[in-house]
Amino acid sequence: MQTRIKELDFNKILELLNKYDAESVYEAVNIIPNSDDLFQDIEKYIDTKSINKRSVFGIDIYRYGLYKHLDQTLIPAIFKILFNKAIDLCLKNNQFVFQNYTKEKIKNAFISTGDGGFVIFDTPLHSLFFAINFETFVRAFNSYHLYPKLRDITGSISLRYAITLDTVHYFDENFYGAAIINNARIMGKDTLNRCLIDQNTYNWFLINIDGIENLQVLSIREMANIYEFQNYDKKYIREGLNEIMNTRISRYSGIINSDISKVGQIQSKELKLNIYNLHIQVTTKASSAKSKNKRTITISVGNLNTTGI
């Protein structure tokens, strides 16, 4: 059960500044003022305890800077194709988990960095499902099933992912917060094409499903018992498509393997963040919109390389 992302209003902050502060002071003698009056009101307005947590999914094209000039120019277009197709697949094939989302909502929660970006989701499960669907189309592109001539020009692409869980707020038509900062730092430290998660994400799965390793043995019915999904409509379990996690557990489809290992720590301001390496294998059916032929494909999100960070 999620509350809305806290939004801070610039005009309200400016109003408080104009009430208690001076825009500019150029006196002969400069002194440090007593800011207690401003502090009390601005602390009350921002109310950091009311800024709730969100999951951030970070995507980065691995070794983007090493691509040739033409390929570098094409990569943002390829990324946009993959991103849009991943959104469509989430909404079509994971209807219970993404029932409160639209294509526009996911796009509006995306912060672009050119060769990747960050997507704000309600829970780590949303982030993980998006990662799986995104990687499905990366595999389709690399194996010449998606725009094969373009693939022949650019060569294969590889991505690194990160999932974090922490505070996020909205200000001046953009997202800010510890979850985004930590995500960027994790990917900045990683020199491999892995899927890394922070301690908060690790704990979320530990608390809700007794550990991320259990993803391979749970059905969507059991995931519906997670606290954040209590108000979700169960009709999407009975009637909808849920391909990554279905109503029945199978070793031949959906999540067939899930491995997690701690790889180290990074410094984020005054805090040290524990980082875990996630490796997920998912078996799915892939087909063209113009053909009824389907191929069974197993994709991996992340890899088993446990080299430190």
Protein backbone atom coordinates (compact mmCIF):
# COMPACT_ATOMS: atom_id res chain seq x y z
CA MET A 1 0.00 0.00 0.00
CA GLN A 2 1.89 2.99 -1.34
CA THR A 3 1.44 6.68 -0.61
CA ARG A 4 2.20 9.34 -3.21
CA ILE A 5 5.73 10.58 -3.71
CA LYS A 6 6.20 13.75 -1.68
CA GLU A 7 6.30 16.86 -3.86
CA LEU A 8 8.07 20.01 -2.70
CA ASP A 9 6.88 23.36 -4.05
CA PHE A 10 9.55 25.90 -4.99
CA ASN A 11 7.20 28.83 -4.39
CA LYS A 12 6.49 27.62 -0.86
CA ILE A 13 10.20 27.35 -0.10
CA LEU A 14 10.74 30.82 -1.58
CA GLU A 15 7.89 32.13 0.55
CA LEU A 16 9.59 30.84 3.71
CA LEU A 17 12.92 32.30 2.63
CA ASN A 18 11.37 35.71 2.00
CA LYS A 19 9.65 35.57 5.39
CA TYR A 20 12.70 34.79 7.50
CA ASP A 21 15.74 35.47 5.33
CA ALA A 22 17.26 38.20 3.19
CA GLU A 23 17.94 37.55 -0.47
CA SER A 24 21.21 39.46 -0.37
CA VAL A 25 23.23 41.15 2.37
CA TYR A 26 26.30 43.26 1.72
CA GLU A 27 27.14 45.01 4.97
CA ALA A 28 30.54 46.33 5.97
CA VAL A 29 30.65 43.76 8.75
CA ASN A 30 29.50 40.25 7.82
CA ILE A 31 28.10 38.01 10.55
CA ILE A 32 26.56 34.56 10.69
CA PRO A 33 22.83 34.99 11.44
CA ASN A 34 20.68 32.96 13.82
CA SER A 35 18.63 30.70 11.53
CA ASP A 36 16.45 29.01 14.18
CA ASP A 37 13.22 30.66 13.00
CA LEU A 38 13.75 29.61 9.36
CA PHE A 39 14.95 26.16 10.39
CA GLN A 40 11.81 25.44 12.42
CA ASP A 41 9.37 26.37 9.65
CA ILE A 42 11.31 24.84 6.77
CA GLU A 43 11.84 21.61 8.74
CA LYS A 44 8.11 21.49 9.42
CA TYR A 45 7.27 22.05 5.74
CA ILE A 46 9.72 19.50 4.32
CA ASP A 47 9.07 16.95 7.11
CA THR A 48 11.74 14.44 6.11
CA LYS A 49 9.87 11.64 7.89
CA SER A 50 7.03 12.02 5.39
CA ILE A 51 9.35 11.46 2.40
CA ASN A 52 8.71 7.81 1.65
CA LYS A 53 10.81 5.15 0.01
CA ARG A 54 10.72 4.04 -3.59
CA SER A 55 12.64 1.51 -5.63
CA VAL A 56 14.97 2.88 -8.29
CA PHE A 57 16.01 0.77 -11.25
CA GLY A 58 19.20 2.00 -12.88
CA ILE A 59 20.24 1.04 -16.43
CA ASP A 60 23.54 1.82 -18.09
CA ILE A 61 24.94 0.80 -21.48
CA TYR A 62 28.14 -1.07 -20.62
CA ARG A 63 31.30 0.57 -22.06
CA TYR A 64 29.29 3.09 -24.06
CA GLY A 65 32.36 5.32 -24.44
CA LEU A 66 34.22 2.60 -26.34
CA TYR A 67 31.69 2.42 -29.18
CA LYS A 68 32.58 3.94 -32.54
CA HIS A 69 31.13 7.36 -33.38
CA LEU A 70 28.29 6.03 -35.56
CA ASP A 71 27.40 3.37 -32.99
CA GLN A 72 27.44 5.92 -30.14
CA THR A 73 25.02 8.06 -32.15
CA LEU A 74 22.66 5.11 -32.62
CA ILE A 75 22.77 3.78 -29.04
CA PRO A 76 20.24 6.31 -27.58
CA ALA A 77 17.74 5.31 -30.29
CA ILE A 78 18.32 1.60 -29.57
CA PHE A 79 17.89 2.25 -25.86
CA LYS A 80 14.58 4.03 -26.48
CA ILE A 81 13.32 1.10 -28.58
CA LEU A 82 14.26 -1.39 -25.86
CA PHE A 83 12.79 0.82 -23.13
CA ASN A 84 9.43 1.24 -24.87
CA LYS A 85 9.17 -2.46 -25.66
CA ALA A 86 10.00 -3.37 -22.05
CA ILE A 87 7.19 -1.10 -20.84
CA ASP A 88 4.71 -2.72 -23.22
CA LEU A 89 5.77 -6.20 -22.10
CA CYS A 90 5.40 -5.30 -18.42
CA LEU A 91 1.86 -4.03 -18.97
CA LYS A 92 0.88 -6.94 -21.21
CA ASN A 93 2.47 -9.95 -19.52
CA ASN A 94 2.74 -8.91 -15.84
CA GLN A 95 -0.71 -7.56 -15.29
CA PHE A 96 -1.03 -8.14 -11.55
CA VAL A 97 2.20 -6.41 -10.58
CA PHE A 98 1.82 -3.52 -13.06
CA GLN A 99 -1.95 -3.02 -12.75
CA ASN A 100 -1.49 0.50 -11.31
CA TYR A 101 0.83 1.58 -14.12
CA THR A 102 0.38 2.98 -17.60
CA LYS A 103 2.98 3.56 -20.30
CA GLU A 104 2.80 7.29 -19.62
CA LYS A 105 3.29 6.81 -15.86
CA ILE A 106 6.46 4.74 -16.34
CA LYS A 107 7.85 7.19 -18.90
CA ASN A 108 7.17 10.11 -16.55
CA ALA A 109 9.09 8.29 -13.82
CA PHE A 110 12.18 7.93 -16.01
CA ILE A 111 15.30 10.08 -15.62
CA SER A 112 17.37 9.85 -18.79
CA THR A 113 21.17 9.94 -18.82
CA GLY A 114 21.49 9.47 -22.59
CA ASP A 115 23.03 6.00 -22.48
CA GLY A 116 20.65 4.78 -19.80
CA GLY A 117 18.84 6.26 -16.85
CA PHE A 118 16.81 5.65 -13.71
CA VAL A 119 13.19 4.54 -13.35
CA ILE A 120 11.21 5.13 -10.17
CA PHE A 121 8.98 2.22 -9.13
CA ASP A 122 6.82 1.46 -6.09
CA THR A 123 8.67 -1.69 -5.01
CA PRO A 124 11.83 -3.70 -5.79
CA LEU A 125 9.62 -6.36 -7.41
CA HIS A 126 8.52 -3.83 -10.03
CA SER A 127 12.15 -2.93 -10.66
CA LEU A 128 13.17 -6.57 -10.99
CA PHE A 129 10.33 -7.41 -13.37
CA PHE A 130 11.21 -4.40 -15.51
CA ALA A 131 14.85 -5.51 -15.58
CA ILE A 132 13.80 -8.99 -16.76
CA ASN A 133 11.57 -7.62 -19.51
CA PHE A 134 14.21 -5.12 -20.59
CA GLU A 135 16.88 -7.82 -20.76
CA THR A 136 14.49 -9.98 -22.81
CA PHE A 137 14.60 -7.40 -25.59
CA VAL A 138 18.35 -6.92 -25.20
CA ARG A 139 18.68 -10.64 -25.92
CA ALA A 140 16.26 -10.35 -28.84
CA PHE A 141 18.36 -7.53 -30.28
CA ASN A 142 21.69 -9.29 -29.75
CA SER A 143 20.43 -12.54 -31.30
CA TYR A 144 19.22 -10.79 -34.48
CA HIS A 145 15.49 -11.09 -33.73
CA LEU A 146 14.91 -7.36 -33.23
CA TYR A 147 16.03 -4.98 -36.00
CA PRO A 148 18.65 -7.47 -37.25
CA LYS A 149 20.22 -5.08 -39.80
CA LEU A 150 20.70 -2.44 -37.11
CA ARG A 151 22.22 -5.11 -34.87
CA ASP A 152 24.64 -6.00 -37.67
CA ILE A 153 25.77 -2.37 -37.85
CA THR A 154 26.22 -1.68 -34.13
CA GLY A 155 27.19 -5.12 -32.86
CA SER A 156 25.84 -6.58 -29.64
CA ILE A 157 25.13 -4.43 -26.60
CA SER A 158 25.51 -5.19 -22.91
CA LEU A 159 24.01 -3.43 -19.94
CA ARG A 160 24.62 -3.15 -16.24
CA TYR A 161 21.79 -2.72 -13.79
CA ALA A 162 21.33 -1.56 -10.21
CA ILE A 163 18.30 -1.64 -7.91
CA THR A 164 18.12 0.54 -4.79
CA LEU A 165 15.44 1.29 -2.22
CA ASP A 166 15.42 4.57 -0.31
CA THR A 167 13.79 7.98 -0.13
CA VAL A 168 12.62 9.81 -3.27
CA HIS A 169 10.90 13.16 -3.57
CA TYR A 170 9.66 15.31 -6.45
CA PHE A 171 10.71 18.91 -6.99
CA ASP A 172 10.52 21.26 -9.96
CA GLU A 173 9.45 18.51 -12.39
CA ASN A 174 12.21 16.10 -11.43
CA PHE A 175 13.00 13.34 -8.95
CA TYR A 176 15.62 13.55 -6.22
CA GLY A 177 16.63 11.49 -3.23
CA ALA A 178 18.96 8.97 -1.65
CA ALA A 179 17.66 6.06 -3.77
CA ILE A 180 18.77 7.81 -6.98
CA ILE A 181 22.10 9.00 -5.55
CA ASN A 182 22.96 5.54 -4.23
CA ASN A 183 21.97 3.90 -7.49
CA ALA A 184 24.24 6.19 -9.50
CA ARG A 185 27.14 5.54 -7.12
CA ILE A 186 26.70 1.77 -7.31
CA MET A 187 26.76 1.76 -11.11
CA GLY A 188 29.64 4.20 -11.13
CA LYS A 189 31.71 1.82 -9.01
CA ASP A 190 30.86 -1.29 -11.03
CA THR A 191 33.24 -2.12 -13.88
CA LEU A 192 31.32 -5.23 -14.95
CA ASN A 193 27.95 -5.83 -16.62
CA ARG A 194 26.20 -7.03 -13.47
CA CYS A 195 22.91 -6.47 -11.65
CA LEU A 196 23.73 -5.03 -8.23
CA ILE A 197 21.30 -4.34 -5.41
CA ASP A 198 21.68 -2.44 -2.15
CA GLN A 199 21.07 -3.62 1.41
CA ASN A 200 17.56 -2.12 1.55
CA THR A 201 16.50 -4.05 -1.56
CA TYR A 202 18.05 -7.23 -0.17
CA ASN A 203 16.15 -6.69 3.10
CA TRP A 204 12.87 -6.03 1.30
CA PHE A 205 12.95 -9.47 -0.32
CA LEU A 206 14.22 -11.05 2.90
CA ILE A 207 11.33 -9.64 4.94
CA ASN A 208 8.61 -10.25 2.35
CA ILE A 209 9.53 -13.63 0.82
CA ASP A 210 12.31 -14.91 3.14
CA GLY A 211 15.02 -13.99 0.66
CA ILE A 212 15.40 -13.23 -3.03
CA GLU A 213 16.43 -16.85 -3.67
CA ASN A 214 12.79 -17.86 -3.12
CA LEU A 215 11.68 -16.11 -6.31
CA GLN A 216 12.21 -19.39 -8.15
CA VAL A 217 9.82 -21.35 -5.92
CA LEU A 218 6.96 -18.90 -5.39
CA SER A 219 3.86 -18.18 -7.46
CA ILE A 220 2.17 -14.85 -8.12
CA ARG A 221 -0.50 -15.82 -5.58
CA GLU A 222 2.12 -15.87 -2.84
CA MET A 223 3.64 -12.60 -4.00
CA ALA A 224 0.19 -11.05 -3.66
CA ASN A 225 0.54 -11.48 0.12
CA ILE A 226 3.30 -8.87 0.26
CA TYR A 227 2.18 -5.83 2.25
CA GLU A 228 2.50 -3.34 -0.63
CA PHE A 229 0.19 -5.52 -2.78
CA GLN A 230 -2.64 -5.85 -0.27
CA ASN A 231 -4.89 -3.38 -2.12
CA TYR A 232 -4.12 -4.80 -5.57
CA ASP A 233 -7.04 -6.31 -7.49
CA LYS A 234 -6.73 -10.12 -7.44
CA LYS A 235 -8.72 -10.41 -10.66
CA TYR A 236 -5.43 -9.92 -12.52
CA ILE A 237 -4.23 -13.16 -10.94
CA ARG A 238 -7.35 -15.08 -11.95
CA GLU A 239 -7.86 -13.52 -15.39
CA GLY A 240 -4.66 -11.71 -16.38
CA LEU A 241 -1.31 -12.69 -17.85
CA ASN A 242 1.55 -13.14 -15.38
CA GLU A 243 4.38 -14.76 -17.28
CA ILE A 244 7.40 -14.13 -15.06
CA MET A 245 5.58 -15.52 -12.02
CA ASN A 246 2.43 -17.46 -12.84
CA THR A 247 -0.23 -19.07 -10.67
CA ARG A 248 1.66 -22.36 -10.86
CA ILE A 249 5.32 -22.97 -10.09
CA SER A 250 7.27 -24.42 -13.00
CA ARG A 251 10.93 -25.30 -13.50
CA TYR A 252 10.48 -24.82 -17.24
CA SER A 253 9.16 -21.25 -17.38
CA GLY A 254 9.38 -18.01 -15.47
CA ILE A 255 12.16 -17.53 -12.91
CA ILE A 256 14.11 -20.78 -12.88
CA ASN A 257 17.18 -19.63 -10.98
CA SER A 258 18.03 -16.90 -8.49
CA ASP A 259 21.45 -16.37 -6.91
CA ILE A 260 22.63 -13.63 -4.58
CA SER A 261 26.04 -12.89 -3.08
CA LYS A 262 27.54 -9.96 -1.19
CA VAL A 263 30.34 -8.32 -3.16
CA GLY A 264 31.41 -5.42 -0.96
CA GLN A 265 30.65 -1.94 0.30
CA ILE A 266 30.66 1.56 -1.12
CA GLN A 267 30.72 4.88 0.68
CA SER A 268 27.68 7.10 0.27
CA LYS A 269 28.18 10.36 2.17
CA GLU A 270 28.72 9.27 5.77
CA LEU A 271 27.15 5.84 5.24
CA LYS A 272 28.61 2.57 4.01
CA LEU A 273 26.29 0.63 1.69
CA ASN A 274 26.42 -3.16 1.47
CA ILE A 275 26.20 -4.25 -2.17
CA TYR A 276 24.93 -7.61 -3.44
CA ASN A 277 25.37 -9.24 -6.84
CA LEU A 278 22.10 -10.64 -8.23
CA HIS A 279 21.86 -13.27 -10.94
CA ILE A 280 18.39 -14.22 -12.21
CA GLN A 281 17.58 -16.68 -15.00
CA VAL A 282 14.19 -16.55 -16.67
CA THR A 283 12.74 -18.83 -19.34
CA THR A 284 10.11 -17.30 -21.58
CA LYS A 285 8.45 -17.61 -24.98
CA ALA A 286 9.44 -15.08 -27.62
CA SER A 287 7.68 -14.39 -30.91
CA SER A 288 7.20 -11.77 -33.57
CA ALA A 289 4.02 -9.72 -33.75
CA LYS A 290 3.72 -10.84 -37.38
CA SER A 291 4.21 -14.55 -36.71
CA LYS A 292 2.62 -17.20 -34.52
CA ASN A 293 5.91 -19.07 -34.24
CA LYS A 294 7.36 -19.00 -30.73
CA ARG A 295 10.87 -19.71 -29.48
CA THR A 296 11.82 -20.72 -25.96
CA ILE A 297 14.51 -18.38 -24.67
CA THR A 298 16.32 -18.32 -21.33
CA ILE A 299 17.79 -14.94 -20.41
CA SER A 300 20.01 -13.89 -17.52
CA VAL A 301 19.80 -10.64 -15.60
CA GLY A 302 23.25 -9.98 -14.20
CA ASN A 303 25.98 -12.60 -14.01
CA LEU A 304 27.83 -14.75 -11.49
CA ASN A 305 31.00 -12.64 -11.38
CA THR A 306 31.58 -11.93 -7.67
CA THR A 307 34.64 -9.71 -8.10
CA GLY A 308 34.42 -6.89 -5.56
CA ILE A 309 33.19 -3.40 -6.20
